[in-house]
Amino acid sequence: MDTAYPGFLMIPTQAYDEAFLSITELPEDKFGVYRTVVGLVEVKRAWAHVEIPDVGFVEDVIVETPRYVRFDRTLVGRGLLARYEYLLRGPASQGCIL
């Protein structure tokens, strides 16, 4: 979960590649650039069918992954977070959808 990330879902580079998302990738002029604490990060974007059974989410959405650096995490951004109420327990590094 990253409330500073305005996108929907940023996935690991390996997951992006293994799902063959280059097939549904948007044109390069639709790629994005984010300003981060380590500098600018360019991301490629693709349409993907996303299912999150625990919250009943099934939808085709645009997912992203950094274009030039290997990325090994999944970030849930404000695009998804805005759809749900959730509880965060910071000291325990836990959270849940209400």
PDB file of N, CA and C in Angstrom:
ATOM      1  N   MET A   1       0.852  -1.165   0.000  1.00  0.00           N
ATOM      2  CA  MET A   1       0.000   0.000   0.000  1.00  0.00           C
ATOM      3  C   MET A   1       0.897   1.227   0.000  1.00  0.00           C
ATOM      4  N   ASP A   2       0.610   2.128  -0.921  1.00  0.00           N
ATOM      5  CA  ASP A   2       1.425   3.341  -1.021  1.00  0.00           C
ATOM      6  C   ASP A   2       0.502   4.504  -1.350  1.00  0.00           C
ATOM      7  N   THR A   3       0.163   5.292  -0.346  1.00  0.00           N
ATOM      8  CA  THR A   3      -0.783   6.393  -0.555  1.00  0.00           C
ATOM      9  C   THR A   3      -0.182   7.537  -1.350  1.00  0.00           C
ATOM     10  N   ALA A   4       1.128   7.516  -1.583  1.00  0.00           N
ATOM     11  CA  ALA A   4       1.744   8.540  -2.423  1.00  0.00           C
ATOM     12  C   ALA A   4       1.691   8.147  -3.900  1.00  0.00           C
ATOM     13  N   TYR A   5       1.413   6.887  -4.180  1.00  0.00           N
ATOM     14  CA  TYR A   5       1.353   6.393  -5.556  1.00  0.00           C
ATOM     15  C   TYR A   5      -0.064   6.603  -6.092  1.00  0.00           C
ATOM     16  N   PRO A   6      -0.229   7.448  -7.111  1.00  0.00           N
ATOM     17  CA  PRO A   6      -1.570   7.776  -7.593  1.00  0.00           C
ATOM     18  C   PRO A   6      -2.190   6.713  -8.498  1.00  0.00           C
ATOM     19  N   GLY A   7      -1.385   5.783  -8.971  1.00  0.00           N
ATOM     20  CA  GLY A   7      -1.889   4.757  -9.883  1.00  0.00           C
ATOM     21  C   GLY A   7      -2.754   3.729  -9.180  1.00  0.00           C
ATOM     22  N   PHE A   8      -3.076   2.683  -9.907  1.00  0.00           N
ATOM     23  CA  PHE A   8      -3.934   1.629  -9.389  1.00  0.00           C
ATOM     24  C   PHE A   8      -3.106   0.507  -8.777  1.00  0.00           C
ATOM     25  N   LEU A   9      -2.226  -0.066  -9.592  1.00  0.00           N
ATOM     26  CA  LEU A   9      -1.451  -1.212  -9.140  1.00  0.00           C
ATOM     27  C   LEU A   9      -0.111  -1.226  -9.870  1.00  0.00           C
ATOM     28  N   MET A  10       0.982  -1.222  -9.114  1.00  0.00           N
ATOM     29  CA  MET A  10       2.305  -1.379  -9.700  1.00  0.00           C
ATOM     30  C   MET A  10       2.796  -2.763  -9.306  1.00  0.00           C
ATOM     31  N   ILE A  11       3.163  -3.540 -10.312  1.00  0.00           N
ATOM     32  CA  ILE A  11       3.504  -4.940 -10.055  1.00  0.00           C
ATOM     33  C   ILE A  11       4.984  -5.193 -10.324  1.00  0.00           C
ATOM     34  N   PRO A  12       5.503  -6.306  -9.769  1.00  0.00           N
ATOM     35  CA  PRO A  12       6.903  -6.644 -10.009  1.00  0.00           C
ATOM     36  C   PRO A  12       7.180  -6.841 -11.501  1.00  0.00           C
ATOM     37  N   THR A  13       8.380  -6.503 -11.908  1.00  0.00           N
ATOM     38  CA  THR A  13       8.790  -6.658 -13.302  1.00  0.00           C
ATOM     39  C   THR A  13       8.599  -8.097 -13.766  1.00  0.00           C
ATOM     40  N   GLN A  14       8.967  -9.049 -12.938  1.00  0.00           N
ATOM     41  CA  GLN A  14       8.850 -10.465 -13.306  1.00  0.00           C
ATOM     42  C   GLN A  14       7.386 -10.848 -13.551  1.00  0.00           C
ATOM     43  N   ALA A  15       6.481 -10.379 -12.711  1.00  0.00           N
ATOM     44  CA  ALA A  15       5.056 -10.684 -12.895  1.00  0.00           C
ATOM     45  C   ALA A  15       4.534 -10.071 -14.193  1.00  0.00           C
ATOM     46  N   TYR A  16       4.958  -8.854 -14.481  1.00  0.00           N
ATOM     47  CA  TYR A  16       4.568  -8.161 -15.712  1.00  0.00           C
ATOM     48  C   TYR A  16       5.018  -8.971 -16.930  1.00  0.00           C
ATOM     49  N   ASP A  17       6.266  -9.435 -16.885  1.00  0.00           N
ATOM     50  CA  ASP A  17       6.822 -10.215 -17.994  1.00  0.00           C
ATOM     51  C   ASP A  17       6.157 -11.590 -18.112  1.00  0.00           C
ATOM     52  N   GLU A  18       5.972 -12.279 -16.986  1.00  0.00           N
ATOM     53  CA  GLU A  18       5.394 -13.631 -17.008  1.00  0.00           C
ATOM     54  C   GLU A  18       3.941 -13.633 -17.454  1.00  0.00           C
ATOM     55  N   ALA A  19       3.236 -12.519 -17.244  1.00  0.00           N
ATOM     56  CA  ALA A  19       1.835 -12.419 -17.674  1.00  0.00           C
ATOM     57  C   ALA A  19       1.726 -11.950 -19.128  1.00  0.00           C
ATOM     58  N   PHE A  20       2.872 -11.772 -19.779  1.00  0.00           N
ATOM     59  CA  PHE A  20       2.919 -11.335 -21.183  1.00  0.00           C
ATOM     60  C   PHE A  20       2.136 -10.033 -21.391  1.00  0.00           C
ATOM     61  N   LEU A  21       2.285  -9.109 -20.441  1.00  0.00           N
ATOM     62  CA  LEU A  21       1.538  -7.860 -20.534  1.00  0.00           C
ATOM     63  C   LEU A  21       2.047  -6.949 -21.640  1.00  0.00           C
ATOM     64  N   SER A  22       3.173  -7.307 -22.244  1.00  0.00           N
ATOM     65  CA  SER A  22       3.633  -6.525 -23.395  1.00  0.00           C
ATOM     66  C   SER A  22       2.605  -6.602 -24.531  1.00  0.00           C
ATOM     67  N   ILE A  23       1.776  -7.640 -24.521  1.00  0.00           N
ATOM     68  CA  ILE A  23       0.735  -7.803 -25.550  1.00  0.00           C
ATOM     69  C   ILE A  23      -0.335  -6.720 -25.416  1.00  0.00           C
ATOM     70  N   THR A  24      -0.651  -6.341 -24.197  1.00  0.00           N
ATOM     71  CA  THR A  24      -1.699  -5.340 -23.961  1.00  0.00           C
ATOM     72  C   THR A  24      -1.115  -3.989 -23.557  1.00  0.00           C
ATOM     73  N   GLU A  25       0.184  -3.844 -23.758  1.00  0.00           N
ATOM     74  CA  GLU A  25       0.874  -2.623 -23.343  1.00  0.00           C
ATOM     75  C   GLU A  25       0.386  -1.417 -24.136  1.00  0.00           C
ATOM     76  N   LEU A  26       0.255  -0.307 -23.438  1.00  0.00           N
ATOM     77  CA  LEU A  26      -0.127   0.937 -24.081  1.00  0.00           C
ATOM     78  C   LEU A  26       1.042   1.463 -24.907  1.00  0.00           C
ATOM     79  N   PRO A  27       0.782   2.343 -25.876  1.00  0.00           N
ATOM     80  CA  PRO A  27       1.877   2.939 -26.649  1.00  0.00           C
ATOM     81  C   PRO A  27       2.810   3.729 -25.729  1.00  0.00           C
ATOM     82  N   GLU A  28       4.050   3.868 -26.154  1.00  0.00           N
ATOM     83  CA  GLU A  28       5.052   4.549 -25.326  1.00  0.00           C
ATOM     84  C   GLU A  28       4.636   5.954 -24.921  1.00  0.00           C
ATOM     85  N   ASP A  29       3.887   6.640 -25.750  1.00  0.00           N
ATOM     86  CA  ASP A  29       3.484   8.005 -25.384  1.00  0.00           C
ATOM     87  C   ASP A  29       2.460   8.013 -24.244  1.00  0.00           C
ATOM     88  N   LYS A  30       1.969   6.835 -23.859  1.00  0.00           N
ATOM     89  CA  LYS A  30       1.041   6.707 -22.721  1.00  0.00           C
ATOM     90  C   LYS A  30       1.742   6.173 -21.472  1.00  0.00           C
ATOM     91  N   PHE A  31       3.047   5.913 -21.562  1.00  0.00           N
ATOM     92  CA  PHE A  31       3.807   5.508 -20.382  1.00  0.00           C
ATOM     93  C   PHE A  31       3.840   6.689 -19.422  1.00  0.00           C
ATOM     94  N   GLY A  32       4.177   6.430 -18.173  1.00  0.00           N
ATOM     95  CA  GLY A  32       4.173   7.496 -17.171  1.00  0.00           C
ATOM     96  C   GLY A  32       5.535   7.733 -16.569  1.00  0.00           C
ATOM     97  N   VAL A  33       5.650   8.842 -15.868  1.00  0.00           N
ATOM     98  CA  VAL A  33       6.863   9.178 -15.120  1.00  0.00           C
ATOM     99  C   VAL A  33       6.429   9.655 -13.741  1.00  0.00           C
ATOM    100  N   TYR A  34       7.031   9.076 -12.714  1.00  0.00           N
ATOM    101  CA  TYR A  34       6.732   9.471 -11.344  1.00  0.00           C
ATOM    102  C   TYR A  34       7.989  10.044 -10.701  1.00  0.00           C
ATOM    103  N   ARG A  35       7.786  11.072  -9.891  1.00  0.00           N
ATOM    104  CA  ARG A  35       8.880  11.636  -9.103  1.00  0.00           C
ATOM    105  C   ARG A  35       8.908  10.893  -7.776  1.00  0.00           C
ATOM    106  N   THR A  36      10.053  10.302  -7.454  1.00  0.00           N
ATOM    107  CA  THR A  36      10.212   9.561  -6.208  1.00  0.00           C
ATOM    108  C   THR A  36      11.371  10.155  -5.418  1.00  0.00           C
ATOM    109  N   VAL A  37      11.611   9.636  -4.239  1.00  0.00           N
ATOM    110  CA  VAL A  37      12.719  10.134  -3.423  1.00  0.00           C
ATOM    111  C   VAL A  37      14.070   9.826  -4.055  1.00  0.00           C
ATOM    112  N   VAL A  38      14.111   8.849  -4.949  1.00  0.00           N
ATOM    113  CA  VAL A  38      15.377   8.513  -5.618  1.00  0.00           C
ATOM    114  C   VAL A  38      15.472   9.123  -7.016  1.00  0.00           C
ATOM    115  N   GLY A  39      14.493   9.933  -7.385  1.00  0.00           N
ATOM    116  CA  GLY A  39      14.507  10.569  -8.697  1.00  0.00           C
ATOM    117  C   GLY A  39      13.304  10.173  -9.532  1.00  0.00           C
ATOM    118  N   LEU A  40      13.364  10.471 -10.817  1.00  0.00           N
ATOM    119  CA  LEU A  40      12.264  10.155 -11.728  1.00  0.00           C
ATOM    120  C   LEU A  40      12.304   8.685 -12.117  1.00  0.00           C
ATOM    121  N   VAL A  41      11.119   8.068 -12.145  1.00  0.00           N
ATOM    122  CA  VAL A  41      10.997   6.667 -12.540  1.00  0.00           C
ATOM    123  C   VAL A  41       9.963   6.585 -13.655  1.00  0.00           C
ATOM    124  N   GLU A  42      10.407   6.099 -14.818  1.00  0.00           N
ATOM    125  CA  GLU A  42       9.482   5.914 -15.928  1.00  0.00           C
ATOM    126  C   GLU A  42       8.837   4.537 -15.812  1.00  0.00           C
ATOM    127  N   VAL A  43       7.522   4.486 -16.034  1.00  0.00           N
ATOM    128  CA  VAL A  43       6.804   3.218 -15.946  1.00  0.00           C
ATOM    129  C   VAL A  43       6.123   2.918 -17.279  1.00  0.00           C
ATOM    130  N   LYS A  44       6.066   1.625 -17.583  1.00  0.00           N
ATOM    131  CA  LYS A  44       5.271   1.201 -18.722  1.00  0.00           C
ATOM    132  C   LYS A  44       3.923   0.753 -18.191  1.00  0.00           C
ATOM    133  N   ARG A  45       2.905   0.847 -19.043  1.00  0.00           N
ATOM    134  CA  ARG A  45       1.536   0.570 -18.619  1.00  0.00           C
ATOM    135  C   ARG A  45       0.889  -0.435 -19.564  1.00  0.00           C
ATOM    136  N   ALA A  46       0.051  -1.298 -18.980  1.00  0.00           N
ATOM    137  CA  ALA A  46      -0.664  -2.298 -19.775  1.00  0.00           C
ATOM    138  C   ALA A  46      -2.013  -2.581 -19.139  1.00  0.00           C
ATOM    139  N   TRP A  47      -2.948  -2.975 -19.986  1.00  0.00           N
ATOM    140  CA  TRP A  47      -4.240  -3.435 -19.481  1.00  0.00           C
ATOM    141  C   TRP A  47      -4.071  -4.839 -18.921  1.00  0.00           C
ATOM    142  N   ALA A  48      -4.717  -5.111 -17.778  1.00  0.00           N
ATOM    143  CA  ALA A  48      -4.669  -6.439 -17.174  1.00  0.00           C
ATOM    144  C   ALA A  48      -5.997  -6.733 -16.502  1.00  0.00           C
ATOM    145  N   HIS A  49      -6.365  -7.992 -16.505  1.00  0.00           N
ATOM    146  CA  HIS A  49      -7.566  -8.431 -15.786  1.00  0.00           C
ATOM    147  C   HIS A  49      -7.133  -8.735 -14.353  1.00  0.00           C
ATOM    148  N   VAL A  50      -7.679  -7.998 -13.399  1.00  0.00           N
ATOM    149  CA  VAL A  50      -7.271  -8.131 -11.999  1.00  0.00           C
ATOM    150  C   VAL A  50      -8.444  -8.651 -11.181  1.00  0.00           C
ATOM    151  N   GLU A  51      -8.172  -9.678 -10.401  1.00  0.00           N
ATOM    152  CA  GLU A  51      -9.168 -10.240  -9.488  1.00  0.00           C
ATOM    153  C   GLU A  51      -8.590 -10.255  -8.083  1.00  0.00           C
ATOM    154  N   ILE A  52      -9.345  -9.685  -7.136  1.00  0.00           N
ATOM    155  CA  ILE A  52      -8.978  -9.714  -5.720  1.00  0.00           C
ATOM    156  C   ILE A  52     -10.168 -10.307  -4.981  1.00  0.00           C
ATOM    157  N   PRO A  53     -10.208 -11.639  -4.857  1.00  0.00           N
ATOM    158  CA  PRO A  53     -11.377 -12.328  -4.317  1.00  0.00           C
ATOM    159  C   PRO A  53     -11.803 -11.869  -2.926  1.00  0.00           C
ATOM    160  N   ASP A  54     -10.853 -11.550  -2.060  1.00  0.00           N
ATOM    161  CA  ASP A  54     -11.195 -11.181  -0.678  1.00  0.00           C
ATOM    162  C   ASP A  54     -12.100  -9.960  -0.585  1.00  0.00           C
ATOM    163  N   VAL A  55     -12.039  -9.083  -1.587  1.00  0.00           N
ATOM    164  CA  VAL A  55     -12.883  -7.882  -1.559  1.00  0.00           C
ATOM    165  C   VAL A  55     -13.878  -7.859  -2.719  1.00  0.00           C
ATOM    166  N   GLY A  56     -13.949  -8.956  -3.471  1.00  0.00           N
ATOM    167  CA  GLY A  56     -14.897  -9.039  -4.564  1.00  0.00           C
ATOM    168  C   GLY A  56     -14.571  -8.142  -5.746  1.00  0.00           C
ATOM    169  N   PHE A  57     -13.291  -7.861  -5.948  1.00  0.00           N
ATOM    170  CA  PHE A  57     -12.890  -6.971  -7.026  1.00  0.00           C
ATOM    171  C   PHE A  57     -12.529  -7.789  -8.258  1.00  0.00           C
ATOM    172  N   VAL A  58     -13.200  -7.511  -9.375  1.00  0.00           N
ATOM    173  CA  VAL A  58     -12.893  -8.126 -10.663  1.00  0.00           C
ATOM    174  C   VAL A  58     -13.045  -7.035 -11.707  1.00  0.00           C
ATOM    175  N   GLU A  59     -11.933  -6.675 -12.356  1.00  0.00           N
ATOM    176  CA  GLU A  59     -11.997  -5.566 -13.303  1.00  0.00           C
ATOM    177  C   GLU A  59     -10.759  -5.564 -14.201  1.00  0.00           C
ATOM    178  N   ASP A  60     -10.913  -5.033 -15.390  1.00  0.00           N
ATOM    179  CA  ASP A  60      -9.767  -4.773 -16.258  1.00  0.00           C
ATOM    180  C   ASP A  60      -9.251  -3.382 -15.916  1.00  0.00           C
ATOM    181  N   VAL A  61      -7.980  -3.299 -15.556  1.00  0.00           N
ATOM    182  CA  VAL A  61      -7.388  -2.031 -15.133  1.00  0.00           C
ATOM    183  C   VAL A  61      -6.012  -1.870 -15.775  1.00  0.00           C
ATOM    184  N   ILE A  62      -5.478  -0.672 -15.693  1.00  0.00           N
ATOM    185  CA  ILE A  62      -4.115  -0.429 -16.155  1.00  0.00           C
ATOM    186  C   ILE A  62      -3.161  -0.674 -15.000  1.00  0.00           C
ATOM    187  N   VAL A  63      -2.214  -1.586 -15.225  1.00  0.00           N
ATOM    188  CA  VAL A  63      -1.170  -1.856 -14.236  1.00  0.00           C
ATOM    189  C   VAL A  63       0.136  -1.275 -14.771  1.00  0.00           C
ATOM    190  N   GLU A  64       1.067  -1.047 -13.855  1.00  0.00           N
ATOM    191  CA  GLU A  64       2.332  -0.429 -14.227  1.00  0.00           C
ATOM    192  C   GLU A  64       3.503  -1.211 -13.640  1.00  0.00           C
ATOM    193  N   THR A  65       4.644  -1.036 -14.264  1.00  0.00           N
ATOM    194  CA  THR A  65       5.908  -1.531 -13.720  1.00  0.00           C
ATOM    195  C   THR A  65       7.005  -0.607 -14.238  1.00  0.00           C
ATOM    196  N   PRO A  66       8.053  -0.380 -13.451  1.00  0.00           N
ATOM    197  CA  PRO A  66       9.131   0.490 -13.932  1.00  0.00           C
ATOM    198  C   PRO A  66       9.728  -0.036 -15.241  1.00  0.00           C
ATOM    199  N   ARG A  67      10.068   0.895 -16.096  1.00  0.00           N
ATOM    200  CA  ARG A  67      10.552   0.541 -17.429  1.00  0.00           C
ATOM    201  C   ARG A  67      12.021   0.122 -17.443  1.00  0.00           C
ATOM    202  N   TYR A  68      12.874   0.809 -16.702  1.00  0.00           N
ATOM    203  CA  TYR A  68      14.312   0.583 -16.825  1.00  0.00           C
ATOM    204  C   TYR A  68      14.976  -0.059 -15.614  1.00  0.00           C
ATOM    205  N   VAL A  69      14.240  -0.265 -14.559  1.00  0.00           N
ATOM    206  CA  VAL A  69      14.815  -0.891 -13.363  1.00  0.00           C
ATOM    207  C   VAL A  69      13.963  -2.088 -12.968  1.00  0.00           C
ATOM    208  N   ARG A  70      14.619  -3.073 -12.394  1.00  0.00           N
ATOM    209  CA  ARG A  70      13.922  -4.269 -11.911  1.00  0.00           C
ATOM    210  C   ARG A  70      13.165  -3.884 -10.640  1.00  0.00           C
ATOM    211  N   PHE A  71      11.930  -4.284 -10.541  1.00  0.00           N
ATOM    212  CA  PHE A  71      11.065  -3.930  -9.414  1.00  0.00           C
ATOM    213  C   PHE A  71      10.535  -5.219  -8.816  1.00  0.00           C
ATOM    214  N   ASP A  72      10.623  -5.389  -7.495  1.00  0.00           N
ATOM    215  CA  ASP A  72      10.275  -6.662  -6.867  1.00  0.00           C
ATOM    216  C   ASP A  72       9.134  -6.578  -5.860  1.00  0.00           C
ATOM    217  N   ARG A  73       8.369  -5.482  -5.903  1.00  0.00           N
ATOM    218  CA  ARG A  73       7.270  -5.331  -4.943  1.00  0.00           C
ATOM    219  C   ARG A  73       5.967  -5.117  -5.689  1.00  0.00           C
ATOM    220  N   THR A  74       4.876  -5.208  -4.970  1.00  0.00           N
ATOM    221  CA  THR A  74       3.569  -4.827  -5.496  1.00  0.00           C
ATOM    222  C   THR A  74       3.093  -3.631  -4.698  1.00  0.00           C
ATOM    223  N   LEU A  75       2.723  -2.555  -5.393  1.00  0.00           N
ATOM    224  CA  LEU A  75       2.193  -1.375  -4.726  1.00  0.00           C
ATOM    225  C   LEU A  75       0.724  -1.216  -5.089  1.00  0.00           C
ATOM    226  N   VAL A  76      -0.093  -1.085  -4.090  1.00  0.00           N
ATOM    227  CA  VAL A  76      -1.500  -0.745  -4.283  1.00  0.00           C
ATOM    228  C   VAL A  76      -1.588   0.757  -4.095  1.00  0.00           C
ATOM    229  N   GLY A  77      -2.048   1.454  -5.117  1.00  0.00           N
ATOM    230  CA  GLY A  77      -2.083   2.905  -5.070  1.00  0.00           C
ATOM    231  C   GLY A  77      -3.460   3.473  -4.781  1.00  0.00           C
ATOM    232  N   ARG A  78      -3.518   4.785  -4.811  1.00  0.00           N
ATOM    233  CA  ARG A  78      -4.767   5.491  -4.495  1.00  0.00           C
ATOM    234  C   ARG A  78      -5.896   5.137  -5.452  1.00  0.00           C
ATOM    235  N   GLY A  79      -5.568   4.756  -6.687  1.00  0.00           N
ATOM    236  CA  GLY A  79      -6.607   4.371  -7.641  1.00  0.00           C
ATOM    237  C   GLY A  79      -7.476   3.235  -7.134  1.00  0.00           C
ATOM    238  N   LEU A  80      -6.887   2.299  -6.430  1.00  0.00           N
ATOM    239  CA  LEU A  80      -7.635   1.190  -5.828  1.00  0.00           C
ATOM    240  C   LEU A  80      -8.088   1.536  -4.422  1.00  0.00           C
ATOM    241  N   LEU A  81      -7.219   2.154  -3.641  1.00  0.00           N
ATOM    242  CA  LEU A  81      -7.539   2.453  -2.247  1.00  0.00           C
ATOM    243  C   LEU A  81      -8.771   3.344  -2.105  1.00  0.00           C
ATOM    244  N   ALA A  82      -8.985   4.236  -3.060  1.00  0.00           N
ATOM    245  CA  ALA A  82     -10.118   5.164  -2.979  1.00  0.00           C
ATOM    246  C   ALA A  82     -11.464   4.447  -3.059  1.00  0.00           C
ATOM    247  N   ARG A  83     -11.467   3.211  -3.485  1.00  0.00           N
ATOM    248  CA  ARG A  83     -12.720   2.456  -3.642  1.00  0.00           C
ATOM    249  C   ARG A  83     -13.167   1.740  -2.370  1.00  0.00           C
ATOM    250  N   TYR A  84     -12.301   1.694  -1.373  1.00  0.00           N
ATOM    251  CA  TYR A  84     -12.583   0.896  -0.180  1.00  0.00           C
ATOM    252  C   TYR A  84     -12.301   1.672   1.100  1.00  0.00           C
ATOM    253  N   GLU A  85     -12.920   1.217   2.176  1.00  0.00           N
ATOM    254  CA  GLU A  85     -12.556   1.686   3.505  1.00  0.00           C
ATOM    255  C   GLU A  85     -11.607   0.646   4.070  1.00  0.00           C
ATOM    256  N   TYR A  86     -10.568   1.101   4.728  1.00  0.00           N
ATOM    257  CA  TYR A  86      -9.586   0.173   5.258  1.00  0.00           C
ATOM    258  C   TYR A  86      -9.049   0.688   6.579  1.00  0.00           C
ATOM    259  N   LEU A  87      -8.472  -0.210   7.323  1.00  0.00           N
ATOM    260  CA  LEU A  87      -7.891   0.093   8.626  1.00  0.00           C
ATOM    261  C   LEU A  87      -6.406  -0.235   8.565  1.00  0.00           C
ATOM    262  N   LEU A  88      -5.583   0.702   8.979  1.00  0.00           N
ATOM    263  CA  LEU A  88      -4.140   0.485   9.028  1.00  0.00           C
ATOM    264  C   LEU A  88      -3.678   0.465  10.474  1.00  0.00           C
ATOM    265  N   ARG A  89      -2.859  -0.497  10.805  1.00  0.00           N
ATOM    266  CA  ARG A  89      -2.238  -0.574  12.122  1.00  0.00           C
ATOM    267  C   ARG A  89      -0.742  -0.420  11.908  1.00  0.00           C
ATOM    268  N   GLY A  90      -0.299   0.834  11.849  1.00  0.00           N
ATOM    269  CA  GLY A  90       1.084   1.155  11.524  1.00  0.00           C
ATOM    270  C   GLY A  90       2.136   0.433  12.333  1.00  0.00           C
ATOM    271  N   PRO A  91       2.060   0.483  13.669  1.00  0.00           N
ATOM    272  CA  PRO A  91       3.110  -0.166  14.460  1.00  0.00           C
ATOM    273  C   PRO A  91       3.224  -1.670  14.185  1.00  0.00           C
ATOM    274  N   ALA A  92       2.117  -2.292  13.808  1.00  0.00           N
ATOM    275  CA  ALA A  92       2.135  -3.730  13.531  1.00  0.00           C
ATOM    276  C   ALA A  92       2.343  -4.023  12.038  1.00  0.00           C
ATOM    277  N   SER A  93       2.415  -2.987  11.216  1.00  0.00           N
ATOM    278  CA  SER A  93       2.545  -3.151   9.762  1.00  0.00           C
ATOM    279  C   SER A  93       1.434  -4.039   9.207  1.00  0.00           C
ATOM    280  N   GLN A  94       0.205  -3.784   9.673  1.00  0.00           N
ATOM    281  CA  GLN A  94      -0.937  -4.563   9.234  1.00  0.00           C
ATOM    282  C   GLN A  94      -2.009  -3.635   8.702  1.00  0.00           C
ATOM    283  N   GLY A  95      -2.883  -4.190   7.900  1.00  0.00           N
ATOM    284  CA  GLY A  95      -4.020  -3.442   7.388  1.00  0.00           C
ATOM    285  C   GLY A  95      -5.088  -4.398   6.925  1.00  0.00           C
ATOM    286  N   CYS A  96      -6.314  -3.886   6.823  1.00  0.00           N
ATOM    287  CA  CYS A  96      -7.400  -4.732   6.335  1.00  0.00           C
ATOM    288  C   CYS A  96      -8.470  -3.863   5.707  1.00  0.00           C
ATOM    289  N   ILE A  97      -9.209  -4.460   4.788  1.00  0.00           N
ATOM    290  CA  ILE A  97     -10.360  -3.809   4.170  1.00  0.00           C
ATOM    291  C   ILE A  97     -11.535  -3.989   5.115  1.00  0.00           C
ATOM    292  N   LEU A  98     -12.265  -2.906   5.360  1.00  0.00           N
ATOM    293  CA  LEU A  98     -13.430  -2.980   6.260  1.00  0.00           C
ATOM    294  C   LEU A  98     -14.679  -3.362   5.499  1.00  0.00           C
TER     295      LEU A  98
END
